[in-house]
Amino acid sequence: MDTCIESTKKAEITMRLSEFEMPPMQDVLLVGKKAPIGPEAARRMVDILSPEQYEIIGVDHAAIEAIVIRKVLLNMLPQEKLVTLILEEGGKIANESMIIKAQVNIILQVSKSIDL
């Protein structure tokens, strides 16, 4: 019996963006180039609050210097795709002096069909 498996994969992504406040940690922080804290201070902060849970990614953007992102999100989606999406949406509201926090919910959908 010849079986053929067809597979499709989709990702549904929802983001919530708001100004940085205490407590500071969300899924993502966008650090502006002239923000009150820079990427290294953000690294120290997240390492104190949640050791080994976040990654700092330097980016090439007009207003944003770095993204602080939960590592678990990078396990769900390729870094390049996730960073591009975050910069695309966050870049619309961010300026150089801001720190923006973002809540990112990723729902993966997988559907497969097989020949019987």
PDB file of N, CA and C in Angstrom:
ATOM      1  N   MET A   1       0.852  -1.179   0.000  1.00  0.00           N
ATOM      2  CA  MET A   1       0.000   0.000   0.000  1.00  0.00           C
ATOM      3  C   MET A   1       0.894   1.237   0.000  1.00  0.00           C
ATOM      4  N   ASP A   2       0.653   2.131  -0.890  1.00  0.00           N
ATOM      5  CA  ASP A   2       1.444   3.359  -1.024  1.00  0.00           C
ATOM      6  C   ASP A   2       0.804   4.473  -0.199  1.00  0.00           C
ATOM      7  N   THR A   3       1.562   5.025   0.745  1.00  0.00           N
ATOM      8  CA  THR A   3       1.015   6.123   1.556  1.00  0.00           C
ATOM      9  C   THR A   3       1.779   7.404   1.256  1.00  0.00           C
ATOM     10  N   CYS A   4       1.036   8.456   1.189  1.00  0.00           N
ATOM     11  CA  CYS A   4       1.618   9.772   0.940  1.00  0.00           C
ATOM     12  C   CYS A   4       1.199  10.679   2.089  1.00  0.00           C
ATOM     13  N   ILE A   5       2.148  11.339   2.683  1.00  0.00           N
ATOM     14  CA  ILE A   5       1.843  12.240   3.797  1.00  0.00           C
ATOM     15  C   ILE A   5       2.079  13.672   3.342  1.00  0.00           C
ATOM     16  N   GLU A   6       1.049  14.493   3.496  1.00  0.00           N
ATOM     17  CA  GLU A   6       1.160  15.914   3.167  1.00  0.00           C
ATOM     18  C   GLU A   6       1.080  16.692   4.473  1.00  0.00           C
ATOM     19  N   SER A   7       1.980  17.626   4.653  1.00  0.00           N
ATOM     20  CA  SER A   7       2.040  18.348   5.921  1.00  0.00           C
ATOM     21  C   SER A   7       2.060  19.850   5.673  1.00  0.00           C
ATOM     22  N   THR A   8       1.306  20.594   6.479  1.00  0.00           N
ATOM     23  CA  THR A   8       1.370  22.046   6.419  1.00  0.00           C
ATOM     24  C   THR A   8       1.578  22.569   7.824  1.00  0.00           C
ATOM     25  N   LYS A   9       2.221  23.692   7.923  1.00  0.00           N
ATOM     26  CA  LYS A   9       2.503  24.294   9.218  1.00  0.00           C
ATOM     27  C   LYS A   9       2.206  25.772   9.130  1.00  0.00           C
ATOM     28  N   LYS A  10       1.504  26.315  10.126  1.00  0.00           N
ATOM     29  CA  LYS A  10       1.181  27.734  10.155  1.00  0.00           C
ATOM     30  C   LYS A  10       1.504  28.274  11.532  1.00  0.00           C
ATOM     31  N   ALA A  11       1.780  29.546  11.633  1.00  0.00           N
ATOM     32  CA  ALA A  11       1.976  30.202  12.922  1.00  0.00           C
ATOM     33  C   ALA A  11       1.061  31.415  12.980  1.00  0.00           C
ATOM     34  N   GLU A  12       0.298  31.522  14.066  1.00  0.00           N
ATOM     35  CA  GLU A  12      -0.538  32.690  14.305  1.00  0.00           C
ATOM     36  C   GLU A  12       0.146  33.497  15.401  1.00  0.00           C
ATOM     37  N   ILE A  13       0.381  34.765  15.153  1.00  0.00           N
ATOM     38  CA  ILE A  13       1.147  35.592  16.083  1.00  0.00           C
ATOM     39  C   ILE A  13       0.328  36.802  16.491  1.00  0.00           C
ATOM     40  N   THR A  14       0.262  37.037  17.791  1.00  0.00           N
ATOM     41  CA  THR A  14      -0.405  38.204  18.338  1.00  0.00           C
ATOM     42  C   THR A  14       0.609  38.962  19.170  1.00  0.00           C
ATOM     43  N   MET A  15       0.678  40.280  19.004  1.00  0.00           N
ATOM     44  CA  MET A  15       1.598  41.084  19.803  1.00  0.00           C
ATOM     45  C   MET A  15       0.841  42.200  20.486  1.00  0.00           C
ATOM     46  N   ARG A  16       1.257  42.520  21.731  1.00  0.00           N
ATOM     47  CA  ARG A  16       0.741  43.676  22.446  1.00  0.00           C
ATOM     48  C   ARG A  16       1.938  44.551  22.782  1.00  0.00           C
ATOM     49  N   LEU A  17       1.860  45.807  22.412  1.00  0.00           N
ATOM     50  CA  LEU A  17       2.953  46.738  22.639  1.00  0.00           C
ATOM     51  C   LEU A  17       2.491  47.838  23.587  1.00  0.00           C
ATOM     52  N   SER A  18       3.337  48.174  24.548  1.00  0.00           N
ATOM     53  CA  SER A  18       3.022  49.270  25.458  1.00  0.00           C
ATOM     54  C   SER A  18       4.320  49.829  26.012  1.00  0.00           C
ATOM     55  N   GLU A  19       4.226  50.982  26.673  1.00  0.00           N
ATOM     56  CA  GLU A  19       5.422  51.603  27.218  1.00  0.00           C
ATOM     57  C   GLU A  19       5.945  50.798  28.403  1.00  0.00           C
ATOM     58  N   PHE A  20       7.250  50.787  28.544  1.00  0.00           N
ATOM     59  CA  PHE A  20       7.948  50.068  29.609  1.00  0.00           C
ATOM     60  C   PHE A  20       7.530  50.571  30.986  1.00  0.00           C
ATOM     61  N   GLU A  21       7.281  49.656  31.916  1.00  0.00           N
ATOM     62  CA  GLU A  21       6.926  50.016  33.279  1.00  0.00           C
ATOM     63  C   GLU A  21       7.388  48.896  34.205  1.00  0.00           C
ATOM     64  N   MET A  22       7.270  49.111  35.512  1.00  0.00           N
ATOM     65  CA  MET A  22       7.678  48.101  36.482  1.00  0.00           C
ATOM     66  C   MET A  22       6.472  47.272  36.887  1.00  0.00           C
ATOM     67  N   PRO A  23       6.559  45.964  37.090  1.00  0.00           N
ATOM     68  CA  PRO A  23       7.756  45.170  36.820  1.00  0.00           C
ATOM     69  C   PRO A  23       8.021  45.121  35.320  1.00  0.00           C
ATOM     70  N   PRO A  24       9.284  45.092  34.951  1.00  0.00           N
ATOM     71  CA  PRO A  24       9.642  45.340  33.561  1.00  0.00           C
ATOM     72  C   PRO A  24       9.524  44.168  32.599  1.00  0.00           C
ATOM     73  N   MET A  25       9.473  42.969  33.081  1.00  0.00           N
ATOM     74  CA  MET A  25       9.649  41.866  32.152  1.00  0.00           C
ATOM     75  C   MET A  25       8.354  41.417  31.477  1.00  0.00           C
ATOM     76  N   GLN A  26       8.456  41.286  30.207  1.00  0.00           N
ATOM     77  CA  GLN A  26       7.426  40.716  29.354  1.00  0.00           C
ATOM     78  C   GLN A  26       8.139  39.711  28.467  1.00  0.00           C
ATOM     79  N   ASP A  27       7.572  39.433  27.328  1.00  0.00           N
ATOM     80  CA  ASP A  27       8.204  38.524  26.390  1.00  0.00           C
ATOM     81  C   ASP A  27       9.353  39.199  25.654  1.00  0.00           C
ATOM     82  N   VAL A  28       9.166  40.499  25.358  1.00  0.00           N
ATOM     83  CA  VAL A  28      10.136  41.238  24.545  1.00  0.00           C
ATOM     84  C   VAL A  28      10.270  42.665  25.070  1.00  0.00           C
ATOM     85  N   LEU A  29      11.492  43.185  25.065  1.00  0.00           N
ATOM     86  CA  LEU A  29      11.739  44.613  25.288  1.00  0.00           C
ATOM     87  C   LEU A  29      12.457  45.145  24.059  1.00  0.00           C
ATOM     88  N   LEU A  30      11.984  46.278  23.549  1.00  0.00           N
ATOM     89  CA  LEU A  30      12.669  46.977  22.461  1.00  0.00           C
ATOM     90  C   LEU A  30      13.412  48.140  23.101  1.00  0.00           C
ATOM     91  N   VAL A  31      14.717  48.152  22.975  1.00  0.00           N
ATOM     92  CA  VAL A  31      15.548  49.169  23.622  1.00  0.00           C
ATOM     93  C   VAL A  31      15.969  50.204  22.585  1.00  0.00           C
ATOM     94  N   GLY A  32      15.511  51.448  22.778  1.00  0.00           N
ATOM     95  CA  GLY A  32      15.867  52.534  21.869  1.00  0.00           C
ATOM     96  C   GLY A  32      17.328  52.910  21.991  1.00  0.00           C
ATOM     97  N   LYS A  33      17.865  53.505  20.939  1.00  0.00           N
ATOM     98  CA  LYS A  33      19.287  53.866  20.905  1.00  0.00           C
ATOM     99  C   LYS A  33      19.674  54.873  21.977  1.00  0.00           C
ATOM    100  N   LYS A  34      18.737  55.712  22.420  1.00  0.00           N
ATOM    101  CA  LYS A  34      19.017  56.709  23.464  1.00  0.00           C
ATOM    102  C   LYS A  34      18.140  56.473  24.692  1.00  0.00           C
ATOM    103  N   ALA A  35      17.759  55.226  24.919  1.00  0.00           N
ATOM    104  CA  ALA A  35      16.896  54.869  26.057  1.00  0.00           C
ATOM    105  C   ALA A  35      17.653  55.044  27.368  1.00  0.00           C
ATOM    106  N   PRO A  36      16.923  55.237  28.479  1.00  0.00           N
ATOM    107  CA  PRO A  36      17.571  55.406  29.785  1.00  0.00           C
ATOM    108  C   PRO A  36      18.480  54.241  30.174  1.00  0.00           C
ATOM    109  N   ILE A  37      18.143  53.031  29.726  1.00  0.00           N
ATOM    110  CA  ILE A  37      19.056  51.909  29.927  1.00  0.00           C
ATOM    111  C   ILE A  37      19.406  51.337  28.565  1.00  0.00           C
ATOM    112  N   GLY A  38      20.636  50.892  28.440  1.00  0.00           N
ATOM    113  CA  GLY A  38      21.085  50.313  27.182  1.00  0.00           C
ATOM    114  C   GLY A  38      21.003  48.801  27.228  1.00  0.00           C
ATOM    115  N   PRO A  39      21.468  48.151  26.183  1.00  0.00           N
ATOM    116  CA  PRO A  39      21.395  46.693  26.105  1.00  0.00           C
ATOM    117  C   PRO A  39      22.128  45.971  27.241  1.00  0.00           C
ATOM    118  N   GLU A  40      23.289  46.487  27.657  1.00  0.00           N
ATOM    119  CA  GLU A  40      24.036  45.820  28.726  1.00  0.00           C
ATOM    120  C   GLU A  40      23.324  45.937  30.064  1.00  0.00           C
ATOM    121  N   ALA A  41      22.750  47.104  30.347  1.00  0.00           N
ATOM    122  CA  ALA A  41      21.965  47.264  31.579  1.00  0.00           C
ATOM    123  C   ALA A  41      20.731  46.373  31.526  1.00  0.00           C
ATOM    124  N   ALA A  42      20.119  46.259  30.363  1.00  0.00           N
ATOM    125  CA  ALA A  42      18.964  45.370  30.204  1.00  0.00           C
ATOM    126  C   ALA A  42      19.385  43.921  30.442  1.00  0.00           C
ATOM    127  N   ARG A  43      20.561  43.554  29.959  1.00  0.00           N
ATOM    128  CA  ARG A  43      21.069  42.187  30.167  1.00  0.00           C
ATOM    129  C   ARG A  43      21.236  41.905  31.662  1.00  0.00           C
ATOM    130  N   ARG A  44      21.840  42.843  32.389  1.00  0.00           N
ATOM    131  CA  ARG A  44      22.025  42.658  33.832  1.00  0.00           C
ATOM    132  C   ARG A  44      20.674  42.549  34.536  1.00  0.00           C
ATOM    133  N   MET A  45      19.726  43.375  34.135  1.00  0.00           N
ATOM    134  CA  MET A  45      18.405  43.365  34.747  1.00  0.00           C
ATOM    135  C   MET A  45      17.706  42.020  34.537  1.00  0.00           C
ATOM    136  N   VAL A  46      17.698  41.527  33.313  1.00  0.00           N
ATOM    137  CA  VAL A  46      17.010  40.262  33.058  1.00  0.00           C
ATOM    138  C   VAL A  46      17.745  39.089  33.689  1.00  0.00           C
ATOM    139  N   ASP A  47      19.066  39.172  33.775  1.00  0.00           N
ATOM    140  CA  ASP A  47      19.812  38.095  34.422  1.00  0.00           C
ATOM    141  C   ASP A  47      19.511  38.034  35.918  1.00  0.00           C
ATOM    142  N   ILE A  48      19.237  39.182  36.522  1.00  0.00           N
ATOM    143  CA  ILE A  48      18.876  39.207  37.942  1.00  0.00           C
ATOM    144  C   ILE A  48      17.454  38.681  38.127  1.00  0.00           C
ATOM    145  N   LEU A  49      16.529  39.148  37.296  1.00  0.00           N
ATOM    146  CA  LEU A  49      15.120  38.774  37.445  1.00  0.00           C
ATOM    147  C   LEU A  49      14.816  37.355  36.959  1.00  0.00           C
ATOM    148  N   SER A  50      15.420  36.971  35.860  1.00  0.00           N
ATOM    149  CA  SER A  50      15.139  35.664  35.244  1.00  0.00           C
ATOM    150  C   SER A  50      16.408  35.129  34.586  1.00  0.00           C
ATOM    151  N   PRO A  51      17.309  34.575  35.395  1.00  0.00           N
ATOM    152  CA  PRO A  51      18.590  34.106  34.830  1.00  0.00           C
ATOM    153  C   PRO A  51      18.403  33.105  33.698  1.00  0.00           C
ATOM    154  N   GLU A  52      19.166  33.298  32.642  1.00  0.00           N
ATOM    155  CA  GLU A  52      19.207  32.381  31.497  1.00  0.00           C
ATOM    156  C   GLU A  52      17.900  32.277  30.719  1.00  0.00           C
ATOM    157  N   GLN A  53      16.962  33.190  30.933  1.00  0.00           N
ATOM    158  CA  GLN A  53      15.662  33.096  30.266  1.00  0.00           C
ATOM    159  C   GLN A  53      15.543  34.017  29.051  1.00  0.00           C
ATOM    160  N   TYR A  54      16.426  35.010  28.937  1.00  0.00           N
ATOM    161  CA  TYR A  54      16.317  36.012  27.878  1.00  0.00           C
ATOM    162  C   TYR A  54      17.601  36.098  27.078  1.00  0.00           C
ATOM    163  N   GLU A  55      17.455  36.524  25.841  1.00  0.00           N
ATOM    164  CA  GLU A  55      18.599  36.757  24.970  1.00  0.00           C
ATOM    165  C   GLU A  55      18.542  38.205  24.490  1.00  0.00           C
ATOM    166  N   ILE A  56      19.705  38.844  24.402  1.00  0.00           N
ATOM    167  CA  ILE A  56      19.799  40.208  23.879  1.00  0.00           C
ATOM    168  C   ILE A  56      20.260  40.109  22.429  1.00  0.00           C
ATOM    169  N   ILE A  57      19.503  40.717  21.527  1.00  0.00           N
ATOM    170  CA  ILE A  57      19.841  40.680  20.108  1.00  0.00           C
ATOM    171  C   ILE A  57      20.030  42.112  19.622  1.00  0.00           C
ATOM    172  N   GLY A  58      21.242  42.454  19.215  1.00  0.00           N
ATOM    173  CA  GLY A  58      21.510  43.765  18.622  1.00  0.00           C
ATOM    174  C   GLY A  58      20.889  43.815  17.237  1.00  0.00           C
ATOM    175  N   VAL A  59      20.289  44.955  16.889  1.00  0.00           N
ATOM    176  CA  VAL A  59      19.619  45.072  15.594  1.00  0.00           C
ATOM    177  C   VAL A  59      20.071  46.330  14.861  1.00  0.00           C
ATOM    178  N   ASP A  60      19.916  46.302  13.557  1.00  0.00           N
ATOM    179  CA  ASP A  60      20.225  47.447  12.709  1.00  0.00           C
ATOM    180  C   ASP A  60      18.901  48.135  12.382  1.00  0.00           C
ATOM    181  N   HIS A  61      18.560  49.164  13.165  1.00  0.00           N
ATOM    182  CA  HIS A  61      17.287  49.861  13.018  1.00  0.00           C
ATOM    183  C   HIS A  61      17.524  51.329  13.323  1.00  0.00           C
ATOM    184  N   ALA A  62      16.738  52.204  12.720  1.00  0.00           N
ATOM    185  CA  ALA A  62      16.911  53.649  12.905  1.00  0.00           C
ATOM    186  C   ALA A  62      16.753  54.076  14.362  1.00  0.00           C
ATOM    187  N   ALA A  63      15.796  53.491  15.086  1.00  0.00           N
ATOM    188  CA  ALA A  63      15.517  53.930  16.456  1.00  0.00           C
ATOM    189  C   ALA A  63      15.855  52.884  17.514  1.00  0.00           C
ATOM    190  N   ILE A  64      15.848  51.631  17.150  1.00  0.00           N
ATOM    191  CA  ILE A  64      15.999  50.540  18.121  1.00  0.00           C
ATOM    192  C   ILE A  64      17.416  49.976  18.064  1.00  0.00           C
ATOM    193  N   GLU A  65      18.028  49.872  19.250  1.00  0.00           N
ATOM    194  CA  GLU A  65      19.395  49.349  19.336  1.00  0.00           C
ATOM    195  C   GLU A  65      19.429  47.837  19.556  1.00  0.00           C
ATOM    196  N   ALA A  66      18.485  47.342  20.366  1.00  0.00           N
ATOM    197  CA  ALA A  66      18.510  45.925  20.695  1.00  0.00           C
ATOM    198  C   ALA A  66      17.116  45.433  21.068  1.00  0.00           C
ATOM    199  N   ILE A  67      16.959  44.130  20.983  1.00  0.00           N
ATOM    200  CA  ILE A  67      15.735  43.454  21.415  1.00  0.00           C
ATOM    201  C   ILE A  67      16.131  42.471  22.507  1.00  0.00           C
ATOM    202  N   VAL A  68      15.407  42.522  23.626  1.00  0.00           N
ATOM    203  CA  VAL A  68      15.576  41.542  24.699  1.00  0.00           C
ATOM    204  C   VAL A  68      14.391  40.599  24.557  1.00  0.00           C
ATOM    205  N   ILE A  69      14.655  39.327  24.332  1.00  0.00           N
ATOM    206  CA  ILE A  69      13.582  38.401  23.991  1.00  0.00           C
ATOM    207  C   ILE A  69      13.689  37.106  24.794  1.00  0.00           C
ATOM    208  N   ARG A  70      12.538  36.591  25.201  1.00  0.00           N
ATOM    209  CA  ARG A  70      12.516  35.315  25.917  1.00  0.00           C
ATOM    210  C   ARG A  70      13.007  34.204  25.003  1.00  0.00           C
ATOM    211  N   LYS A  71      13.930  33.403  25.503  1.00  0.00           N
ATOM    212  CA  LYS A  71      14.527  32.340  24.696  1.00  0.00           C
ATOM    213  C   LYS A  71      13.499  31.318  24.221  1.00  0.00           C
ATOM    214  N   VAL A  72      12.461  31.087  25.029  1.00  0.00           N
ATOM    215  CA  VAL A  72      11.448  30.099  24.639  1.00  0.00           C
ATOM    216  C   VAL A  72      10.765  30.498  23.323  1.00  0.00           C
ATOM    217  N   LEU A  73      10.627  31.797  23.070  1.00  0.00           N
ATOM    218  CA  LEU A  73      10.028  32.245  21.811  1.00  0.00           C
ATOM    219  C   LEU A  73      10.921  31.899  20.626  1.00  0.00           C
ATOM    220  N   LEU A  74      12.233  31.965  20.861  1.00  0.00           N
ATOM    221  CA  LEU A  74      13.183  31.637  19.796  1.00  0.00           C
ATOM    222  C   LEU A  74      13.225  30.139  19.528  1.00  0.00           C
ATOM    223  N   ASN A  75      12.718  29.344  20.468  1.00  0.00           N
ATOM    224  CA  ASN A  75      12.612  27.900  20.234  1.00  0.00           C
ATOM    225  C   ASN A  75      11.400  27.576  19.373  1.00  0.00           C
ATOM    226  N   MET A  76      10.430  28.478  19.357  1.00  0.00           N
ATOM    227  CA  MET A  76       9.194  28.228  18.614  1.00  0.00           C
ATOM    228  C   MET A  76       9.247  28.728  17.171  1.00  0.00           C
ATOM    229  N   LEU A  77       9.953  29.824  16.956  1.00  0.00           N
ATOM    230  CA  LEU A  77      10.063  30.416  15.618  1.00  0.00           C
ATOM    231  C   LEU A  77      11.521  30.737  15.333  1.00  0.00           C
ATOM    232  N   PRO A  78      11.915  30.717  14.071  1.00  0.00           N
ATOM    233  CA  PRO A  78      13.280  31.117  13.724  1.00  0.00           C
ATOM    234  C   PRO A  78      13.529  32.569  14.138  1.00  0.00           C
ATOM    235  N   GLN A  79      14.706  32.832  14.691  1.00  0.00           N
ATOM    236  CA  GLN A  79      15.052  34.160  15.184  1.00  0.00           C
ATOM    237  C   GLN A  79      14.862  35.231  14.123  1.00  0.00           C
ATOM    238  N   GLU A  80      15.302  34.975  12.918  1.00  0.00           N
ATOM    239  CA  GLU A  80      15.214  35.965  11.849  1.00  0.00           C
ATOM    240  C   GLU A  80      13.769  36.399  11.587  1.00  0.00           C
ATOM    241  N   LYS A  81      12.852  35.446  11.536  1.00  0.00           N
ATOM    242  CA  LYS A  81      11.444  35.765  11.278  1.00  0.00           C
ATOM    243  C   LYS A  81      10.830  36.533  12.442  1.00  0.00           C
ATOM    244  N   LEU A  82      11.124  36.105  13.661  1.00  0.00           N
ATOM    245  CA  LEU A  82      10.550  36.745  14.840  1.00  0.00           C
ATOM    246  C   LEU A  82      11.085  38.166  15.004  1.00  0.00           C
ATOM    247  N   VAL A  83      12.391  38.346  14.852  1.00  0.00           N
ATOM    248  CA  VAL A  83      12.984  39.680  14.982  1.00  0.00           C
ATOM    249  C   VAL A  83      12.444  40.614  13.909  1.00  0.00           C
ATOM    250  N   THR A  84      12.318  40.130  12.688  1.00  0.00           N
ATOM    251  CA  THR A  84      11.779  40.950  11.602  1.00  0.00           C
ATOM    252  C   THR A  84      10.367  41.420  11.919  1.00  0.00           C
ATOM    253  N   LEU A  85       9.541  40.524  12.408  1.00  0.00           N
ATOM    254  CA  LEU A  85       8.162  40.876  12.758  1.00  0.00           C
ATOM    255  C   LEU A  85       8.114  41.882  13.909  1.00  0.00           C
ATOM    256  N   ILE A  86       8.913  41.647  14.936  1.00  0.00           N
ATOM    257  CA  ILE A  86       8.941  42.546  16.089  1.00  0.00           C
ATOM    258  C   ILE A  86       9.401  43.947  15.674  1.00  0.00           C
ATOM    259  N   LEU A  87      10.445  44.021  14.858  1.00  0.00           N
ATOM    260  CA  LEU A  87      10.936  45.327  14.395  1.00  0.00           C
ATOM    261  C   LEU A  87       9.924  46.017  13.486  1.00  0.00           C
ATOM    262  N   GLU A  88       9.267  45.254  12.654  1.00  0.00           N
ATOM    263  CA  GLU A  88       8.270  45.813  11.735  1.00  0.00           C
ATOM    264  C   GLU A  88       7.140  46.487  12.510  1.00  0.00           C
ATOM    265  N   GLU A  89       6.626  45.804  13.513  1.00  0.00           N
ATOM    266  CA  GLU A  89       5.501  46.347  14.279  1.00  0.00           C
ATOM    267  C   GLU A  89       5.959  47.323  15.360  1.00  0.00           C
ATOM    268  N   GLY A  90       6.966  46.949  16.112  1.00  0.00           N
ATOM    269  CA  GLY A  90       7.469  47.817  17.184  1.00  0.00           C
ATOM    270  C   GLY A  90       8.107  49.087  16.653  1.00  0.00           C
ATOM    271  N   GLY A  91       8.726  48.992  15.493  1.00  0.00           N
ATOM    272  CA  GLY A  91       9.362  50.154  14.887  1.00  0.00           C
ATOM    273  C   GLY A  91       8.387  51.246  14.501  1.00  0.00           C
ATOM    274  N   LYS A  92       7.106  50.887  14.381  1.00  0.00           N
ATOM    275  CA  LYS A  92       6.086  51.878  14.029  1.00  0.00           C
ATOM    276  C   LYS A  92       5.788  52.827  15.179  1.00  0.00           C
ATOM    277  N   ILE A  93       6.025  52.393  16.418  1.00  0.00           N
ATOM    278  CA  ILE A  93       5.712  53.244  17.571  1.00  0.00           C
ATOM    279  C   ILE A  93       6.940  53.653  18.373  1.00  0.00           C
ATOM    280  N   ALA A  94       8.043  52.972  18.178  1.00  0.00           N
ATOM    281  CA  ALA A  94       9.240  53.240  18.984  1.00  0.00           C
ATOM    282  C   ALA A  94       9.969  54.484  18.495  1.00  0.00           C
ATOM    283  N   ASN A  95      10.603  55.168  19.450  1.00  0.00           N
ATOM    284  CA  ASN A  95      11.569  56.195  19.082  1.00  0.00           C
ATOM    285  C   ASN A  95      12.852  55.911  19.850  1.00  0.00           C
ATOM    286  N   GLU A  96      13.900  56.691  19.602  1.00  0.00           N
ATOM    287  CA  GLU A  96      15.223  56.399  20.158  1.00  0.00           C
ATOM    288  C   GLU A  96      15.278  56.422  21.676  1.00  0.00           C
ATOM    289  N   SER A  97      14.395  57.176  22.330  1.00  0.00           N
ATOM    290  CA  SER A  97      14.483  57.309  23.784  1.00  0.00           C
ATOM    291  C   SER A  97      13.572  56.349  24.539  1.00  0.00           C
ATOM    292  N   MET A  98      12.838  55.513  23.843  1.00  0.00           N
ATOM    293  CA  MET A  98      11.856  54.636  24.484  1.00  0.00           C
ATOM    294  C   MET A  98      12.390  53.234  24.752  1.00  0.00           C
ATOM    295  N   ILE A  99      11.778  52.615  25.741  1.00  0.00           N
ATOM    296  CA  ILE A  99      11.895  51.179  25.953  1.00  0.00           C
ATOM    297  C   ILE A  99      10.464  50.662  25.856  1.00  0.00           C
ATOM    298  N   ILE A 100      10.227  49.814  24.895  1.00  0.00           N
ATOM    299  CA  ILE A 100       8.881  49.286  24.659  1.00  0.00           C
ATOM    300  C   ILE A 100       8.854  47.831  25.100  1.00  0.00           C
ATOM    301  N   LYS A 101       7.826  47.462  25.859  1.00  0.00           N
ATOM    302  CA  LYS A 101       7.654  46.053  26.193  1.00  0.00           C
ATOM    303  C   LYS A 101       6.591  45.486  25.264  1.00  0.00           C
ATOM    304  N   ALA A 102       6.750  44.246  24.920  1.00  0.00           N
ATOM    305  CA  ALA A 102       5.795  43.592  24.025  1.00  0.00           C
ATOM    306  C   ALA A 102       5.455  42.215  24.563  1.00  0.00           C
ATOM    307  N   GLN A 103       4.181  41.918  24.532  1.00  0.00           N
ATOM    308  CA  GLN A 103       3.725  40.572  24.848  1.00  0.00           C
ATOM    309  C   GLN A 103       3.535  39.871  23.513  1.00  0.00           C
ATOM    310  N   VAL A 104       4.146  38.725  23.354  1.00  0.00           N
ATOM    311  CA  VAL A 104       4.072  37.986  22.099  1.00  0.00           C
ATOM    312  C   VAL A 104       3.496  36.607  22.388  1.00  0.00           C
ATOM    313  N   ASN A 105       2.368  36.319  21.785  1.00  0.00           N
ATOM    314  CA  ASN A 105       1.747  34.997  21.908  1.00  0.00           C
ATOM    315  C   ASN A 105       1.894  34.280  20.578  1.00  0.00           C
ATOM    316  N   ILE A 106       2.460  33.101  20.617  1.00  0.00           N
ATOM    317  CA  ILE A 106       2.633  32.311  19.397  1.00  0.00           C
ATOM    318  C   ILE A 106       1.789  31.056  19.529  1.00  0.00           C
ATOM    319  N   ILE A 107       0.937  30.836  18.555  1.00  0.00           N
ATOM    320  CA  ILE A 107       0.125  29.623  18.502  1.00  0.00           C
ATOM    321  C   ILE A 107       0.498  28.904  17.216  1.00  0.00           C
ATOM    322  N   LEU A 108       1.101  27.756  17.340  1.00  0.00           N
ATOM    323  CA  LEU A 108       1.482  26.982  16.168  1.00  0.00           C
ATOM    324  C   LEU A 108       0.336  26.060  15.781  1.00  0.00           C
ATOM    325  N   GLN A 109       0.020  26.032  14.502  1.00  0.00           N
ATOM    326  CA  GLN A 109      -1.000  25.136  13.979  1.00  0.00           C
ATOM    327  C   GLN A 109      -0.336  24.173  13.021  1.00  0.00           C
ATOM    328  N   VAL A 110      -0.593  22.906  13.208  1.00  0.00           N
ATOM    329  CA  VAL A 110      -0.048  21.892  12.322  1.00  0.00           C
ATOM    330  C   VAL A 110      -1.197  21.025  11.844  1.00  0.00           C
ATOM    331  N   SER A 111      -1.287  20.812  10.543  1.00  0.00           N
ATOM    332  CA  SER A 111      -2.299  19.891  10.034  1.00  0.00           C
ATOM    333  C   SER A 111      -1.619  18.964   9.039  1.00  0.00           C
ATOM    334  N   LYS A 112      -2.023  17.727   9.087  1.00  0.00           N
ATOM    335  CA  LYS A 112      -1.444  16.725   8.194  1.00  0.00           C
ATOM    336  C   LYS A 112      -2.564  15.910   7.579  1.00  0.00           C
ATOM    337  N   SER A 113      -2.361  15.459   6.382  1.00  0.00           N
ATOM    338  CA  SER A 113      -3.311  14.530   5.771  1.00  0.00           C
ATOM    339  C   SER A 113      -2.511  13.364   5.215  1.00  0.00           C
ATOM    340  N   ILE A 114      -3.091  12.197   5.295  1.00  0.00           N
ATOM    341  CA  ILE A 114      -2.414  11.008   4.790  1.00  0.00           C
ATOM    342  C   ILE A 114      -3.356  10.250   3.862  1.00  0.00           C
ATOM    343  N   ASP A 115      -2.795   9.523   2.945  1.00  0.00           N
ATOM    344  CA  ASP A 115      -3.580   8.653   2.057  1.00  0.00           C
ATOM    345  C   ASP A 115      -3.860   7.356   2.794  1.00  0.00           C
ATOM    346  N   LEU A 116      -5.079   6.898   2.728  1.00  0.00           N
ATOM    347  CA  LEU A 116      -5.462   5.633   3.372  1.00  0.00           C
ATOM    348  C   LEU A 116      -5.545   4.520   2.362  1.00  0.00           C
TER     349      LEU A 116
END
